[in-house]
Amino acid sequence: MSIINPDIPDQLLLDKYALEPSQFMNLDGFKIHYRDEGKKDGQPV
């Protein structure tokens, strides 16, 4: 399954999904969106 859809403008996706506490990192030339949420002492998923 691919999550890349060139038909949807990047800014539209950022406006919809890149809310707090979103973070970004570059990995092998790709901009990766991730969120670090939950209890700091909780179990990671």
Protein backbone atom coordinates (compact mmCIF):
# COMPACT_ATOMS: atom_id res chain seq x y z
CA MET A 1 0.00 0.00 0.00
CA SER A 2 1.37 3.39 -0.94
CA ILE A 3 0.58 6.51 1.05
CA ILE A 4 1.99 8.80 -1.62
CA ASN A 5 -0.72 10.42 -3.71
CA PRO A 6 0.59 13.09 -6.07
CA ASP A 7 -2.99 14.21 -6.88
CA ILE A 8 -3.38 15.82 -3.44
CA PRO A 9 -1.37 19.02 -2.90
CA ASP A 10 1.14 18.80 -0.03
CA GLN A 11 -0.21 21.93 1.64
CA LEU A 12 -3.75 20.50 1.78
CA LEU A 13 -2.45 17.41 3.59
CA LEU A 14 -0.32 19.51 5.96
CA ASP A 15 -3.28 21.74 6.82
CA LYS A 16 -5.44 18.68 7.57
CA TYR A 17 -3.03 16.35 9.38
CA ALA A 18 0.04 18.27 10.58
CA LEU A 19 -1.48 19.65 13.76
CA GLU A 20 0.11 19.73 17.22
CA PRO A 21 2.09 17.70 18.25
CA SER A 22 3.22 16.92 14.69
CA GLN A 23 6.93 16.78 13.98
CA PHE A 24 8.94 16.22 10.82
CA MET A 25 12.26 14.61 9.98
CA ASN A 26 14.14 13.92 6.76
CA LEU A 27 14.92 10.30 6.02
CA ASP A 28 16.73 9.33 2.83
CA GLY A 29 15.38 12.41 1.04
CA PHE A 30 11.79 11.97 2.25
CA LYS A 31 10.01 14.34 4.64
CA ILE A 32 8.53 12.09 7.37
CA HIS A 33 5.58 13.26 9.49
CA TYR A 34 5.21 11.78 12.96
CA ARG A 35 3.61 12.49 16.33
CA ASP A 36 5.00 11.78 19.77
CA GLU A 37 1.92 11.63 22.01
CA GLY A 38 0.73 10.08 25.22
CA LYS A 39 2.02 9.65 28.72
CA LYS A 40 5.78 10.10 28.96
CA ASP A 41 6.00 7.09 31.32
CA GLY A 42 3.56 4.93 29.31
CA GLN A 43 4.26 1.91 27.14
CA PRO A 44 5.36 2.69 23.57
CA VAL A 45 3.30 1.30 20.71
